[in-house]
Amino acid sequence: MANPFKIKLIADKSYSYCLCEKSKDGVFCDGSHRGSEFNPKRFKVLKDKNYNLCSCKKTNGAPYCDGSHLK
């Protein structure tokens, strides 16, 4: 079971969420998808605060954890 990745994100900063499951930390894109059919999901947040990002890749609300890892 993969627990959510808890991290403070900064408003209006661009982030790239990994969808290929090959990145070193499993959450943020590090370019490991190159040569595959995957591309990162780019996103921004509205508030500076702590967020729970999905690390199991089962969420229906990427990049945010929706508890799918518990099912």
Protein backbone atom coordinates (compact mmCIF):
# COMPACT_ATOMS: atom_id res chain seq x y z
CA MET A 1 0.00 0.00 0.00
CA ALA A 2 1.37 3.41 -0.98
CA ASN A 3 0.57 6.21 1.42
CA PRO A 4 -0.05 9.76 0.22
CA PHE A 5 2.99 11.95 -0.37
CA LYS A 6 2.58 14.90 2.00
CA ILE A 7 4.21 18.13 0.85
CA LYS A 8 3.82 21.89 1.13
CA LEU A 9 3.09 23.39 -2.29
CA ILE A 10 3.32 27.06 -3.23
CA ALA A 11 0.46 28.93 -4.92
CA ASP A 12 0.86 29.73 -8.64
CA LYS A 13 4.02 27.65 -8.97
CA SER A 14 3.94 25.05 -11.75
CA TYR A 15 4.34 21.39 -10.78
CA SER A 16 4.60 18.25 -12.90
CA TYR A 17 2.98 15.12 -11.46
CA CYS A 18 4.49 11.83 -12.64
CA LEU A 19 2.11 9.47 -14.46
CA CYS A 20 4.66 6.93 -15.72
CA GLU A 21 5.56 5.55 -12.26
CA LYS A 22 9.27 5.66 -13.14
CA SER A 23 10.35 8.89 -11.42
CA LYS A 24 12.78 8.60 -8.53
CA ASP A 25 10.32 9.87 -5.88
CA GLY A 26 7.24 8.41 -7.60
CA VAL A 27 5.32 11.67 -7.41
CA PHE A 28 7.04 14.48 -9.32
CA CYS A 29 8.22 14.12 -12.89
CA ASP A 30 11.99 13.85 -13.32
CA GLY A 31 11.95 13.07 -17.05
CA SER A 32 12.03 9.29 -16.65
CA HIS A 33 9.01 9.01 -18.98
CA ARG A 34 11.03 10.04 -22.03
CA GLY A 35 10.58 7.49 -24.79
CA SER A 36 7.26 6.25 -23.40
CA GLU A 37 3.65 7.16 -24.13
CA PHE A 38 3.36 9.00 -20.79
CA ASN A 39 3.51 12.73 -20.14
CA PRO A 40 3.37 14.43 -16.75
CA LYS A 41 0.23 16.13 -15.48
CA ARG A 42 1.03 19.80 -15.01
CA PHE A 43 -0.79 21.63 -12.23
CA LYS A 44 -0.82 24.64 -9.90
CA VAL A 45 -2.42 25.15 -6.51
CA LEU A 46 -4.41 28.17 -5.34
CA LYS A 47 -3.05 28.33 -1.78
CA ASP A 48 0.29 27.79 -0.06
CA LYS A 49 -0.45 24.79 2.17
CA ASN A 50 0.24 21.11 2.77
CA TYR A 51 -1.24 18.73 0.20
CA ASN A 52 -1.56 14.94 0.01
CA LEU A 53 -0.46 13.82 -3.44
CA CYS A 54 -1.21 10.35 -4.73
CA SER A 55 1.73 7.97 -4.81
CA CYS A 56 -0.20 4.78 -5.69
CA LYS A 57 -1.52 6.14 -9.05
CA LYS A 58 -5.04 4.78 -8.32
CA THR A 59 -6.65 8.14 -7.55
CA ASN A 60 -9.51 9.49 -9.63
CA GLY A 61 -8.40 13.04 -8.85
CA ALA A 62 -4.73 13.17 -9.85
CA PRO A 63 -2.50 14.53 -8.52
CA TYR A 64 -4.40 14.51 -5.21
CA CYS A 65 -4.92 11.47 -3.03
CA ASP A 66 -8.58 10.43 -2.80
CA GLY A 67 -8.06 7.40 -0.57
CA SER A 68 -8.12 4.88 -3.43
CA HIS A 69 -5.05 3.17 -1.95
CA LEU A 70 -7.24 2.01 0.93
CA LYS A 71 -9.67 0.10 -1.31
